[in-house]
Each structure stands twice: as C-alpha cells, then as structure tokens.
Amino acid sequence: ESGGGLVQAGGSLRLSCAASGRTFRNYAMGWFRQA
C-alpha cells in the first residue's frame, strides 16, 4: 500500500495497493481499516 498521510477534516486522500501475480484480475480486492 501507499498514499497514506495526514490530512485535515474535509480533505481527500488516495490510497493505492500494488499487487504481484499474473492472475490479479481473478481476485476480489478489499480495503480494511483498524483504528
């Protein structure tokens, strides 16, 4: 993953996740978070 950081309320961020592997298209991809 990349793209995290500090932002003020109301702002925006874009996270990216780069995957290895030749069958990426067959995978379900999810985002989870833990506070």
PDB file of all heavy atoms in Angstrom:
ATOM      1  N   GLU A   1       0.823  -1.200   0.000  1.00  0.00           N
ATOM      2  CA  GLU A   1       0.000   0.000   0.000  1.00  0.00           C
ATOM      3  C   GLU A   1       0.861   1.256   0.000  1.00  0.00           C
ATOM      4  O   GLU A   1       1.994   1.248   0.482  1.00  0.00           O
ATOM      5  CB  GLU A   1      -0.920   0.043   1.237  1.00  0.00           C
ATOM      6  CG  GLU A   1      -1.856  -1.139   1.386  1.00  0.00           C
ATOM      7  CD  GLU A   1      -1.297  -2.191   2.313  1.00  0.00           C
ATOM      8  OE1 GLU A   1      -0.067  -2.270   2.473  1.00  0.00           O
ATOM      9  OE2 GLU A   1      -2.101  -2.940   2.912  1.00  0.00           O
ATOM     10  N   SER A   2       0.272   2.330  -0.498  1.00  0.00           N
ATOM     11  CA  SER A   2       0.912   3.642  -0.448  1.00  0.00           C
ATOM     12  C   SER A   2      -0.177   4.709  -0.454  1.00  0.00           C
ATOM     13  O   SER A   2      -1.338   4.418  -0.749  1.00  0.00           O
ATOM     14  CB  SER A   2       1.847   3.838  -1.645  1.00  0.00           C
ATOM     15  OG  SER A   2       1.126   3.756  -2.853  1.00  0.00           O
ATOM     16  N   GLY A   3       0.234   5.934  -0.116  1.00  0.00           N
ATOM     17  CA  GLY A   3      -0.686   7.058  -0.219  1.00  0.00           C
ATOM     18  C   GLY A   3      -1.268   7.559   1.087  1.00  0.00           C
ATOM     19  O   GLY A   3      -2.012   8.539   1.094  1.00  0.00           O
ATOM     20  N   GLY A   4      -0.940   6.902   2.188  1.00  0.00           N
ATOM     21  CA  GLY A   4      -1.452   7.386   3.462  1.00  0.00           C
ATOM     22  C   GLY A   4      -0.781   8.689   3.869  1.00  0.00           C
ATOM     23  O   GLY A   4       0.160   9.156   3.230  1.00  0.00           O
ATOM     24  N   GLY A   5      -1.302   9.293   4.938  1.00  0.00           N
ATOM     25  CA  GLY A   5      -0.713  10.528   5.423  1.00  0.00           C
ATOM     26  C   GLY A   5      -1.638  11.256   6.363  1.00  0.00           C
ATOM     27  O   GLY A   5      -2.614  10.694   6.863  1.00  0.00           O
ATOM     28  N   LEU A   6      -1.296  12.523   6.597  1.00  0.00           N
ATOM     29  CA  LEU A   6      -2.061  13.380   7.494  1.00  0.00           C
ATOM     30  C   LEU A   6      -2.862  14.373   6.665  1.00  0.00           C
ATOM     31  O   LEU A   6      -2.309  15.020   5.758  1.00  0.00           O
ATOM     32  CB  LEU A   6      -1.111  14.117   8.432  1.00  0.00           C
ATOM     33  CG  LEU A   6      -1.707  15.197   9.336  1.00  0.00           C
ATOM     34  CD1 LEU A   6      -2.683  14.577  10.329  1.00  0.00           C
ATOM     35  CD2 LEU A   6      -0.594  15.943  10.068  1.00  0.00           C
ATOM     36  N   VAL A   7      -4.135  14.512   6.967  1.00  0.00           N
ATOM     37  CA  VAL A   7      -4.995  15.434   6.221  1.00  0.00           C
ATOM     38  C   VAL A   7      -5.998  16.046   7.189  1.00  0.00           C
ATOM     39  O   VAL A   7      -6.360  15.427   8.201  1.00  0.00           O
ATOM     40  CB  VAL A   7      -5.710  14.679   5.070  1.00  0.00           C
ATOM     41  CG1 VAL A   7      -6.661  13.618   5.597  1.00  0.00           C
ATOM     42  CG2 VAL A   7      -6.419  15.639   4.136  1.00  0.00           C
ATOM     43  N   GLN A   8      -6.441  17.243   6.875  1.00  0.00           N
ATOM     44  CA  GLN A   8      -7.456  17.895   7.704  1.00  0.00           C
ATOM     45  C   GLN A   8      -8.846  17.345   7.376  1.00  0.00           C
ATOM     46  O   GLN A   8      -9.097  16.865   6.268  1.00  0.00           O
ATOM     47  CB  GLN A   8      -7.430  19.395   7.485  1.00  0.00           C
ATOM     48  CG  GLN A   8      -6.223  20.090   8.087  1.00  0.00           C
ATOM     49  CD  GLN A   8      -6.346  21.600   8.022  1.00  0.00           C
ATOM     50  OE1 GLN A   8      -6.966  22.137   7.112  1.00  0.00           O
ATOM     51  NE2 GLN A   8      -5.747  22.277   8.981  1.00  0.00           N
ATOM     52  N   ALA A   9      -9.721  17.435   8.333  1.00  0.00           N
ATOM     53  CA  ALA A   9     -11.101  17.013   8.110  1.00  0.00           C
ATOM     54  C   ALA A   9     -11.675  17.742   6.900  1.00  0.00           C
ATOM     55  O   ALA A   9     -11.455  18.941   6.715  1.00  0.00           O
ATOM     56  CB  ALA A   9     -11.940  17.296   9.346  1.00  0.00           C
ATOM     57  N   GLY A  10     -12.398  16.981   6.080  1.00  0.00           N
ATOM     58  CA  GLY A  10     -12.945  17.525   4.850  1.00  0.00           C
ATOM     59  C   GLY A  10     -12.046  17.339   3.648  1.00  0.00           C
ATOM     60  O   GLY A  10     -12.482  17.552   2.504  1.00  0.00           O
ATOM     61  N   GLY A  11     -10.827  16.944   3.894  1.00  0.00           N
ATOM     62  CA  GLY A  11      -9.867  16.759   2.810  1.00  0.00           C
ATOM     63  C   GLY A  11      -9.979  15.398   2.153  1.00  0.00           C
ATOM     64  O   GLY A  11     -10.887  14.611   2.458  1.00  0.00           O
ATOM     65  N   SER A  12      -9.039  15.130   1.247  1.00  0.00           N
ATOM     66  CA  SER A  12      -9.061  13.892   0.464  1.00  0.00           C
ATOM     67  C   SER A  12      -7.691  13.232   0.463  1.00  0.00           C
ATOM     68  O   SER A  12      -6.657  13.898   0.600  1.00  0.00           O
ATOM     69  CB  SER A  12      -9.451  14.191  -0.991  1.00  0.00           C
ATOM     70  OG  SER A  12     -10.746  14.744  -1.074  1.00  0.00           O
ATOM     71  N   LEU A  13      -7.711  11.929   0.322  1.00  0.00           N
ATOM     72  CA  LEU A  13      -6.505  11.136   0.115  1.00  0.00           C
ATOM     73  C   LEU A  13      -6.824  10.022  -0.862  1.00  0.00           C
ATOM     74  O   LEU A  13      -7.974   9.564  -0.931  1.00  0.00           O
ATOM     75  CB  LEU A  13      -5.999  10.515   1.417  1.00  0.00           C
ATOM     76  CG  LEU A  13      -5.200  11.368   2.394  1.00  0.00           C
ATOM     77  CD1 LEU A  13      -4.912  10.586   3.670  1.00  0.00           C
ATOM     78  CD2 LEU A  13      -3.903  11.861   1.775  1.00  0.00           C
ATOM     79  N   ARG A  14      -5.802   9.572  -1.556  1.00  0.00           N
ATOM     80  CA  ARG A  14      -5.971   8.443  -2.473  1.00  0.00           C
ATOM     81  C   ARG A  14      -4.953   7.370  -2.091  1.00  0.00           C
ATOM     82  O   ARG A  14      -3.746   7.604  -2.142  1.00  0.00           O
ATOM     83  CB  ARG A  14      -5.746   8.878  -3.918  1.00  0.00           C
ATOM     84  CG  ARG A  14      -5.952   7.785  -4.955  1.00  0.00           C
ATOM     85  CD  ARG A  14      -5.752   8.364  -6.349  1.00  0.00           C
ATOM     86  NE  ARG A  14      -5.842   7.387  -7.405  1.00  0.00           N
ATOM     87  CZ  ARG A  14      -6.963   7.034  -7.994  1.00  0.00           C
ATOM     88  NH1 ARG A  14      -8.106   7.552  -7.610  1.00  0.00           N
ATOM     89  NH2 ARG A  14      -6.964   6.138  -8.978  1.00  0.00           N
ATOM     90  N   LEU A  15      -5.458   6.224  -1.695  1.00  0.00           N
ATOM     91  CA  LEU A  15      -4.601   5.092  -1.366  1.00  0.00           C
ATOM     92  C   LEU A  15      -4.469   4.183  -2.583  1.00  0.00           C
ATOM     93  O   LEU A  15      -5.420   4.020  -3.355  1.00  0.00           O
ATOM     94  CB  LEU A  15      -5.194   4.289  -0.207  1.00  0.00           C
ATOM     95  CG  LEU A  15      -5.496   5.045   1.078  1.00  0.00           C
ATOM     96  CD1 LEU A  15      -5.999   4.082   2.144  1.00  0.00           C
ATOM     97  CD2 LEU A  15      -4.294   5.807   1.573  1.00  0.00           C
ATOM     98  N   SER A  16      -3.288   3.613  -2.731  1.00  0.00           N
ATOM     99  CA  SER A  16      -3.061   2.650  -3.803  1.00  0.00           C
ATOM    100  C   SER A  16      -2.491   1.371  -3.229  1.00  0.00           C
ATOM    101  O   SER A  16      -1.786   1.387  -2.215  1.00  0.00           O
ATOM    102  CB  SER A  16      -2.083   3.232  -4.836  1.00  0.00           C
ATOM    103  OG  SER A  16      -2.665   4.302  -5.535  1.00  0.00           O
ATOM    104  N   CYS A  17      -2.806   0.279  -3.894  1.00  0.00           N
ATOM    105  CA  CYS A  17      -2.289  -1.024  -3.495  1.00  0.00           C
ATOM    106  C   CYS A  17      -1.772  -1.711  -4.756  1.00  0.00           C
ATOM    107  O   CYS A  17      -2.534  -1.943  -5.696  1.00  0.00           O
ATOM    108  CB  CYS A  17      -3.384  -1.852  -2.843  1.00  0.00           C
ATOM    109  SG  CYS A  17      -2.918  -3.544  -2.424  1.00  0.00           S
ATOM    110  N   ALA A  18      -0.477  -1.987  -4.763  1.00  0.00           N
ATOM    111  CA  ALA A  18       0.143  -2.665  -5.896  1.00  0.00           C
ATOM    112  C   ALA A  18       0.276  -4.150  -5.579  1.00  0.00           C
ATOM    113  O   ALA A  18       0.770  -4.519  -4.501  1.00  0.00           O
ATOM    114  CB  ALA A  18       1.517  -2.066  -6.181  1.00  0.00           C
ATOM    115  N   ALA A  19      -0.172  -4.979  -6.514  1.00  0.00           N
ATOM    116  CA  ALA A  19      -0.177  -6.422  -6.293  1.00  0.00           C
ATOM    117  C   ALA A  19       0.748  -7.128  -7.267  1.00  0.00           C
ATOM    118  O   ALA A  19       0.841  -6.744  -8.437  1.00  0.00           O
ATOM    119  CB  ALA A  19      -1.597  -6.963  -6.451  1.00  0.00           C
ATOM    120  N   SER A  20       1.415  -8.143  -6.795  1.00  0.00           N
ATOM    121  CA  SER A  20       2.206  -9.008  -7.673  1.00  0.00           C
ATOM    122  C   SER A  20       1.296 -10.141  -8.148  1.00  0.00           C
ATOM    123  O   SER A  20       0.198 -10.322  -7.638  1.00  0.00           O
ATOM    124  CB  SER A  20       3.396  -9.580  -6.917  1.00  0.00           C
ATOM    125  OG  SER A  20       2.942 -10.425  -5.872  1.00  0.00           O
ATOM    126  N   GLY A  21       1.758 -10.915  -9.107  1.00  0.00           N
ATOM    127  CA  GLY A  21       0.955 -12.060  -9.545  1.00  0.00           C
ATOM    128  C   GLY A  21       0.305 -11.835 -10.892  1.00  0.00           C
ATOM    129  O   GLY A  21      -0.082 -10.712 -11.226  1.00  0.00           O
ATOM    130  N   ARG A  22       0.185 -12.923 -11.659  1.00  0.00           N
ATOM    131  CA  ARG A  22      -0.324 -12.808 -13.008  1.00  0.00           C
ATOM    132  C   ARG A  22      -1.827 -12.987 -13.114  1.00  0.00           C
ATOM    133  O   ARG A  22      -2.382 -12.817 -14.175  1.00  0.00           O
ATOM    134  CB  ARG A  22       0.375 -13.855 -13.881  1.00  0.00           C
ATOM    135  CG  ARG A  22       1.855 -13.564 -14.114  1.00  0.00           C
ATOM    136  CD  ARG A  22       2.526 -14.686 -14.886  1.00  0.00           C
ATOM    137  NE  ARG A  22       2.643 -15.891 -14.063  1.00  0.00           N
ATOM    138  CZ  ARG A  22       3.204 -17.003 -14.495  1.00  0.00           C
ATOM    139  NH1 ARG A  22       3.651 -17.094 -15.721  1.00  0.00           N
ATOM    140  NH2 ARG A  22       3.291 -18.055 -13.693  1.00  0.00           N
ATOM    141  N   THR A  23      -2.488 -13.343 -12.014  1.00  0.00           N
ATOM    142  CA  THR A  23      -3.929 -13.576 -12.065  1.00  0.00           C
ATOM    143  C   THR A  23      -4.690 -12.558 -11.238  1.00  0.00           C
ATOM    144  O   THR A  23      -5.738 -12.852 -10.677  1.00  0.00           O
ATOM    145  CB  THR A  23      -4.259 -14.994 -11.575  1.00  0.00           C
ATOM    146  OG1 THR A  23      -3.778 -15.148 -10.231  1.00  0.00           O
ATOM    147  CG2 THR A  23      -3.646 -16.040 -12.480  1.00  0.00           C
ATOM    148  N   PHE A  24      -4.161 -11.359 -11.186  1.00  0.00           N
ATOM    149  CA  PHE A  24      -4.768 -10.301 -10.381  1.00  0.00           C
ATOM    150  C   PHE A  24      -6.232 -10.109 -10.709  1.00  0.00           C
ATOM    151  O   PHE A  24      -7.063  -9.895  -9.825  1.00  0.00           O
ATOM    152  CB  PHE A  24      -4.001  -8.992 -10.612  1.00  0.00           C
ATOM    153  CG  PHE A  24      -4.588  -7.801  -9.924  1.00  0.00           C
ATOM    154  CD1 PHE A  24      -4.392  -7.603  -8.564  1.00  0.00           C
ATOM    155  CD2 PHE A  24      -5.333  -6.871 -10.629  1.00  0.00           C
ATOM    156  CE1 PHE A  24      -4.926  -6.502  -7.920  1.00  0.00           C
ATOM    157  CE2 PHE A  24      -5.874  -5.762  -9.998  1.00  0.00           C
ATOM    158  CZ  PHE A  24      -5.672  -5.574  -8.646  1.00  0.00           C
ATOM    159  N   ARG A  25      -6.575 -10.196 -11.977  1.00  0.00           N
ATOM    160  CA  ARG A  25      -7.943  -9.914 -12.377  1.00  0.00           C
ATOM    161  C   ARG A  25      -8.946 -10.869 -11.756  1.00  0.00           C
ATOM    162  O   ARG A  25     -10.138 -10.578 -11.698  1.00  0.00           O
ATOM    163  CB  ARG A  25      -8.076  -9.933 -13.888  1.00  0.00           C
ATOM    164  CG  ARG A  25      -7.850 -11.290 -14.543  1.00  0.00           C
ATOM    165  CD  ARG A  25      -8.084 -11.250 -16.047  1.00  0.00           C
ATOM    166  NE  ARG A  25      -7.139 -10.387 -16.707  1.00  0.00           N
ATOM    167  CZ  ARG A  25      -7.481  -9.232 -17.254  1.00  0.00           C
ATOM    168  NH1 ARG A  25      -8.725  -8.812 -17.214  1.00  0.00           N
ATOM    169  NH2 ARG A  25      -6.568  -8.494 -17.851  1.00  0.00           N
ATOM    170  N   ASN A  26      -8.516 -12.034 -11.312  1.00  0.00           N
ATOM    171  CA  ASN A  26      -9.428 -13.025 -10.741  1.00  0.00           C
ATOM    172  C   ASN A  26      -9.657 -12.844  -9.249  1.00  0.00           C
ATOM    173  O   ASN A  26     -10.486 -13.542  -8.660  1.00  0.00           O
ATOM    174  CB  ASN A  26      -8.890 -14.436 -10.985  1.00  0.00           C
ATOM    175  CG  ASN A  26      -8.836 -14.779 -12.452  1.00  0.00           C
ATOM    176  OD1 ASN A  26      -9.499 -14.159 -13.269  1.00  0.00           O
ATOM    177  ND2 ASN A  26      -8.027 -15.774 -12.794  1.00  0.00           N
ATOM    178  N   TYR A  27      -8.945 -11.924  -8.637  1.00  0.00           N
ATOM    179  CA  TYR A  27      -9.047 -11.748  -7.203  1.00  0.00           C
ATOM    180  C   TYR A  27     -10.053 -10.674  -6.843  1.00  0.00           C
ATOM    181  O   TYR A  27     -10.138  -9.629  -7.501  1.00  0.00           O
ATOM    182  CB  TYR A  27      -7.689 -11.350  -6.613  1.00  0.00           C
ATOM    183  CG  TYR A  27      -6.714 -12.489  -6.476  1.00  0.00           C
ATOM    184  CD1 TYR A  27      -5.941 -12.887  -7.557  1.00  0.00           C
ATOM    185  CD2 TYR A  27      -6.569 -13.154  -5.271  1.00  0.00           C
ATOM    186  CE1 TYR A  27      -5.049 -13.936  -7.440  1.00  0.00           C
ATOM    187  CE2 TYR A  27      -5.671 -14.200  -5.139  1.00  0.00           C
ATOM    188  CZ  TYR A  27      -4.919 -14.578  -6.222  1.00  0.00           C
ATOM    189  OH  TYR A  27      -4.034 -15.618  -6.092  1.00  0.00           O
ATOM    190  N   ALA A  28     -10.795 -10.928  -5.786  1.00  0.00           N
ATOM    191  CA  ALA A  28     -11.525  -9.845  -5.138  1.00  0.00           C
ATOM    192  C   ALA A  28     -10.508  -9.049  -4.323  1.00  0.00           C
ATOM    193  O   ALA A  28      -9.638  -9.631  -3.662  1.00  0.00           O
ATOM    194  CB  ALA A  28     -12.600 -10.402  -4.223  1.00  0.00           C
ATOM    195  N   MET A  29     -10.593  -7.744  -4.398  1.00  0.00           N
ATOM    196  CA  MET A  29      -9.659  -6.881  -3.686  1.00  0.00           C
ATOM    197  C   MET A  29     -10.431  -6.024  -2.701  1.00  0.00           C
ATOM    198  O   MET A  29     -11.431  -5.399  -3.062  1.00  0.00           O
ATOM    199  CB  MET A  29      -8.912  -5.987  -4.665  1.00  0.00           C
ATOM    200  CG  MET A  29      -8.066  -6.751  -5.686  1.00  0.00           C
ATOM    201  SD  MET A  29      -6.761  -7.729  -4.923  1.00  0.00           S
ATOM    202  CE  MET A  29      -5.783  -6.468  -4.127  1.00  0.00           C
ATOM    203  N   GLY A  30      -9.961  -6.000  -1.476  1.00  0.00           N
ATOM    204  CA  GLY A  30     -10.675  -5.257  -0.454  1.00  0.00           C
ATOM    205  C   GLY A  30      -9.778  -4.300   0.297  1.00  0.00           C
ATOM    206  O   GLY A  30      -8.548  -4.439   0.298  1.00  0.00           O
ATOM    207  N   TRP A  31     -10.394  -3.307   0.904  1.00  0.00           N
ATOM    208  CA  TRP A  31      -9.728  -2.401   1.836  1.00  0.00           C
ATOM    209  C   TRP A  31     -10.377  -2.558   3.202  1.00  0.00           C
ATOM    210  O   TRP A  31     -11.620  -2.578   3.310  1.00  0.00           O
ATOM    211  CB  TRP A  31      -9.849  -0.951   1.376  1.00  0.00           C
ATOM    212  CG  TRP A  31      -8.962  -0.593   0.223  1.00  0.00           C
ATOM    213  CD1 TRP A  31      -9.297  -0.559  -1.094  1.00  0.00           C
ATOM    214  CD2 TRP A  31      -7.583  -0.203   0.302  1.00  0.00           C
ATOM    215  NE1 TRP A  31      -8.215  -0.187  -1.846  1.00  0.00           N
ATOM    216  CE2 TRP A  31      -7.142   0.050  -1.009  1.00  0.00           C
ATOM    217  CE3 TRP A  31      -6.671  -0.036   1.343  1.00  0.00           C
ATOM    218  CZ2 TRP A  31      -5.842   0.450  -1.319  1.00  0.00           C
ATOM    219  CZ3 TRP A  31      -5.383   0.375   1.052  1.00  0.00           C
ATOM    220  CH2 TRP A  31      -4.988   0.609  -0.270  1.00  0.00           C
ATOM    221  N   PHE A  32      -9.540  -2.657   4.202  1.00  0.00           N
ATOM    222  CA  PHE A  32      -9.982  -2.738   5.583  1.00  0.00           C
ATOM    223  C   PHE A  32      -9.212  -1.697   6.387  1.00  0.00           C
ATOM    224  O   PHE A  32      -8.172  -1.213   5.944  1.00  0.00           O
ATOM    225  CB  PHE A  32      -9.720  -4.144   6.148  1.00  0.00           C
ATOM    226  CG  PHE A  32     -10.559  -5.211   5.509  1.00  0.00           C
ATOM    227  CD1 PHE A  32     -10.218  -5.730   4.273  1.00  0.00           C
ATOM    228  CD2 PHE A  32     -11.685  -5.697   6.146  1.00  0.00           C
ATOM    229  CE1 PHE A  32     -10.997  -6.710   3.671  1.00  0.00           C
ATOM    230  CE2 PHE A  32     -12.474  -6.683   5.558  1.00  0.00           C
ATOM    231  CZ  PHE A  32     -12.125  -7.180   4.320  1.00  0.00           C
ATOM    232  N   ARG A  33      -9.712  -1.371   7.565  1.00  0.00           N
ATOM    233  CA  ARG A  33      -9.003  -0.409   8.401  1.00  0.00           C
ATOM    234  C   ARG A  33      -9.106  -0.811   9.858  1.00  0.00           C
ATOM    235  O   ARG A  33     -10.068  -1.464  10.269  1.00  0.00           O
ATOM    236  CB  ARG A  33      -9.552   1.004   8.191  1.00  0.00           C
ATOM    237  CG  ARG A  33     -10.980   1.220   8.684  1.00  0.00           C
ATOM    238  CD  ARG A  33     -11.470   2.611   8.300  1.00  0.00           C
ATOM    239  NE  ARG A  33     -12.827   2.874   8.806  1.00  0.00           N
ATOM    240  CZ  ARG A  33     -13.514   3.966   8.524  1.00  0.00           C
ATOM    241  NH1 ARG A  33     -12.998   4.906   7.725  1.00  0.00           N
ATOM    242  NH2 ARG A  33     -14.727   4.129   9.020  1.00  0.00           N
ATOM    243  N   GLN A  34      -8.110  -0.379  10.611  1.00  0.00           N
ATOM    244  CA  GLN A  34      -8.096  -0.645  12.042  1.00  0.00           C
ATOM    245  C   GLN A  34      -7.654   0.599  12.783  1.00  0.00           C
ATOM    246  O   GLN A  34      -6.525   1.074  12.592  1.00  0.00           O
ATOM    247  CB  GLN A  34      -7.176  -1.816  12.386  1.00  0.00           C
ATOM    248  CG  GLN A  34      -7.254  -2.234  13.839  1.00  0.00           C
ATOM    249  CD  GLN A  34      -6.578  -3.563  14.101  1.00  0.00           C
ATOM    250  OE1 GLN A  34      -5.731  -4.007  13.326  1.00  0.00           O
ATOM    251  NE2 GLN A  34      -6.955  -4.203  15.203  1.00  0.00           N
ATOM    252  N   ALA A  35      -8.549   1.114  13.598  1.00  0.00           N
ATOM    253  CA  ALA A  35      -8.246   2.272  14.434  1.00  0.00           C
ATOM    254  C   ALA A  35      -7.664   1.782  15.763  1.00  0.00           C
ATOM    255  O   ALA A  35      -7.899   0.643  16.167  1.00  0.00           O
ATOM    256  CB  ALA A  35      -9.513   3.081  14.677  1.00  0.00           C
TER     257      ALA A  35
END
